[in-house]
Every structure is written in structure tokens, then in C-alpha cells.
C-alpha atoms as a PDB file:
ATOM      1  CA  UNK A   1      -0.188   0.072  -0.010  1.00  0.00           C
ATOM      2  CA  UNK A   2       2.803   2.287   0.737  1.00  0.00           C
ATOM      3  CA  UNK A   3       4.637   1.327  -1.982  1.00  0.00           C
ATOM      4  CA  UNK A   4       1.638   2.501  -4.414  1.00  0.00           C
ATOM      5  CA  UNK A   5       1.296   5.614  -2.723  1.00  0.00           C
ATOM      6  CA  UNK A   6       4.696   6.364  -3.337  1.00  0.00           C
ATOM      7  CA  UNK A   7       4.899   5.431  -6.831  1.00  0.00           C
ATOM      8  CA  UNK A   8       1.666   7.640  -7.456  1.00  0.00           C
ATOM      9  CA  UNK A   9       3.180  10.433  -5.676  1.00  0.00           C
ATOM     10  CA  UNK A  10       6.231  10.234  -8.189  1.00  0.00           C
ATOM     11  CA  UNK A  11       4.032   9.722 -11.336  1.00  0.00           C
ATOM     12  CA  UNK A  12       2.102  12.728 -10.249  1.00  0.00           C
ATOM     13  CA  UNK A  13       5.142  14.962  -9.430  1.00  0.00           C
ATOM     14  CA  UNK A  14       5.402  16.143 -12.749  1.00  0.00           C
ATOM     15  CA  UNK A  15       1.742  17.099 -12.970  1.00  0.00           C
ATOM     16  CA  UNK A  16       2.528  20.987 -12.666  1.00  0.00           C
ATOM     17  CA  UNK A  17       5.706  21.323 -15.015  1.00  0.00           C
ATOM     18  CA  UNK A  18       5.548  22.779 -18.484  1.00  0.00           C
ATOM     19  CA  UNK A  19       7.382  21.580 -21.243  1.00  0.00           C
ATOM     20  CA  UNK A  20      10.725  22.940 -22.200  1.00  0.00           C
ATOM     21  CA  UNK A  21      10.439  25.094 -25.684  1.00  0.00           C
ATOM     22  CA  UNK A  22      13.841  24.704 -27.582  1.00  0.00           C
ATOM     23  CA  UNK A  23      14.846  27.977 -29.294  1.00  0.00           C
ATOM     24  CA  UNK A  24      14.016  28.612 -33.077  1.00  0.00           C
ATOM     25  CA  UNK A  25      17.594  28.535 -33.972  1.00  0.00           C
ATOM     26  CA  UNK A  26      18.270  25.334 -32.457  1.00  0.00           C
ATOM     27  CA  UNK A  27      16.977  23.009 -35.027  1.00  0.00           C
ATOM     28  CA  UNK A  28      19.115  24.962 -37.653  1.00  0.00           C
ATOM     29  CA  UNK A  29      22.104  25.150 -35.986  1.00  0.00           C
ATOM     30  CA  UNK A  30      22.193  21.303 -35.565  1.00  0.00           C
ATOM     31  CA  UNK A  31      21.443  21.091 -39.265  1.00  0.00           C
ATOM     32  CA  UNK A  32      24.311  23.059 -40.113  1.00  0.00           C
ATOM     33  CA  UNK A  33      26.969  21.171 -38.105  1.00  0.00           C
ATOM     34  CA  UNK A  34      25.926  17.870 -39.670  1.00  0.00           C
ATOM     35  CA  UNK A  35      26.353  19.548 -42.784  1.00  0.00           C
ATOM     36  CA  UNK A  36      29.707  20.880 -41.960  1.00  0.00           C
ATOM     37  CA  UNK A  37      31.103  17.188 -40.790  1.00  0.00           C
ATOM     38  CA  UNK A  38      33.837  15.816 -42.976  1.00  0.00           C
ATOM     39  CA  UNK A  39      32.835  12.911 -45.232  1.00  0.00           C
ATOM     40  CA  UNK A  40      35.147  10.699 -46.873  1.00  0.00           C
ATOM     41  CA  UNK A  41      35.209  11.015 -50.425  1.00  0.00           C
ATOM     42  CA  UNK A  42      33.953   8.082 -53.070  1.00  0.00           C
ATOM     43  CA  UNK A  43      37.657   8.115 -54.307  1.00  0.00           C
ATOM     44  CA  UNK A  44      38.982   7.087 -50.891  1.00  0.00           C
ATOM     45  CA  UNK A  45      36.397   4.402 -50.555  1.00  0.00           C
ATOM     46  CA  UNK A  46      37.026   2.966 -53.820  1.00  0.00           C
ATOM     47  CA  UNK A  47      41.032   2.899 -53.042  1.00  0.00           C
ATOM     48  CA  UNK A  48      40.327   1.375 -49.973  1.00  0.00           C
ATOM     49  CA  UNK A  49      38.260  -1.223 -51.651  1.00  0.00           C
ATOM     50  CA  UNK A  50      40.526  -1.869 -54.168  1.00  0.00           C
ATOM     51  CA  UNK A  51      43.406  -2.168 -51.765  1.00  0.00           C
ATOM     52  CA  UNK A  52      41.059  -4.948 -49.868  1.00  0.00           C
ATOM     53  CA  UNK A  53      40.784  -6.815 -52.975  1.00  0.00           C
ATOM     54  CA  UNK A  54      44.559  -6.764 -54.105  1.00  0.00           C
ATOM     55  CA  UNK A  55      45.388  -7.896 -50.776  1.00  0.00           C
ATOM     56  CA  UNK A  56      42.758 -10.753 -50.596  1.00  0.00           C
ATOM     57  CA  UNK A  57      43.952 -11.999 -54.161  1.00  0.00           C
ATOM     58  CA  UNK A  58      47.935 -11.730 -53.111  1.00  0.00           C
ATOM     59  CA  UNK A  59      46.887 -13.831 -50.081  1.00  0.00           C
ATOM     60  CA  UNK A  60      44.980 -16.489 -52.279  1.00  0.00           C
ATOM     61  CA  UNK A  61      47.705 -16.883 -54.755  1.00  0.00           C
ATOM     62  CA  UNK A  62      50.486 -17.138 -51.997  1.00  0.00           C
ATOM     63  CA  UNK A  63      48.384 -19.836 -50.028  1.00  0.00           C
ATOM     64  CA  UNK A  64      48.119 -21.630 -53.319  1.00  0.00           C
ATOM     65  CA  UNK A  65      51.732 -21.779 -54.227  1.00  0.00           C
ATOM     66  CA  UNK A  66      52.642 -22.819 -50.992  1.00  0.00           C
ATOM     67  CA  UNK A  67      50.352 -26.019 -51.209  1.00  0.00           C
ATOM     68  CA  UNK A  68      51.531 -26.807 -54.406  1.00  0.00           C
ATOM     69  CA  UNK A  69      55.285 -26.430 -53.355  1.00  0.00           C
ATOM     70  CA  UNK A  70      54.045 -28.615 -50.500  1.00  0.00           C
ATOM     71  CA  UNK A  71      52.581 -31.227 -52.985  1.00  0.00           C
ATOM     72  CA  UNK A  72      55.813 -31.435 -55.210  1.00  0.00           C
ATOM     73  CA  UNK A  73      58.023 -31.957 -52.218  1.00  0.00           C
ATOM     74  CA  UNK A  74      56.122 -34.706 -50.860  1.00  0.00           C
ATOM     75  CA  UNK A  75      55.905 -36.505 -54.166  1.00  0.00           C
ATOM     76  CA  UNK A  76      59.327 -36.155 -54.685  1.00  0.00           C
ATOM     77  CA  UNK A  77      60.459 -37.240 -51.023  1.00  0.00           C
ATOM     78  CA  UNK A  78      58.538 -40.203 -51.736  1.00  0.00           C
ATOM     79  CA  UNK A  79      59.914 -40.823 -55.574  1.00  0.00           C
ATOM     80  CA  UNK A  80      63.353 -40.826 -53.901  1.00  0.00           C
ATOM     81  CA  UNK A  81      62.448 -42.930 -51.123  1.00  0.00           C
ATOM     82  CA  UNK A  82      60.671 -45.598 -53.074  1.00  0.00           C
ATOM     83  CA  UNK A  83      62.753 -45.822 -55.937  1.00  0.00           C
ATOM     84  CA  UNK A  84      66.666 -45.493 -55.186  1.00  0.00           C
ATOM     85  CA  UNK A  85      67.992 -47.284 -57.989  1.00  0.00           C
ATOM     86  CA  UNK A  86      66.463 -46.937 -61.676  1.00  0.00           C
ATOM     87  CA  UNK A  87      66.896 -50.492 -61.972  1.00  0.00           C
ATOM     88  CA  UNK A  88      63.504 -52.272 -62.376  1.00  0.00           C
ATOM     89  CA  UNK A  89      64.827 -55.896 -62.418  1.00  0.00           C
ATOM     90  CA  UNK A  90      67.411 -57.414 -60.063  1.00  0.00           C
END
């Protein structure tokens, strides 16, 4: 009961307040500040996108060349270990 009275008191405490009216220039000042913000040019965005694409292609090519080198080295290893001489018939 006491809690409900306290809640009602808090809710009714704003009944006599008048709403705050902002100045007429405030909205125009905010809009002017938004327009004055530095924006990133499209040229820079395209340059960043192109550099990311180049890095992805380079990484893929390095990874593929590494896997090819590993395959050839294992093949060479097996050839040398299994066939130590060229004699097919002994």
C-alpha cells in the first residue's frame, strides 16, 4: 500500500511542469553542424576497396603456391625413398 502511494506520488510530481520549448535557431544550428562534418570522399572508399581486393588476391595466390610446393616436395620425397635406383629388375 505504501509502495503504491510512493509510486503515485512520483508519477504525479510532473503534473505541474510546463514543457521546455527550444529556441527557433536550435534545429538550424544542428543541421548546419551536420552538414559541416567531414565526409569521406568516394575516391578514398574505392581506393580502400581496391586495396582490400588486391590483398585478398595476393593472399590466395600465396596460399595456393604454398600448397603446390608442399605437394611437389612430398611427391619428390616419396620418389626418392621408394625408388633409390633405376634398376627395375635385379
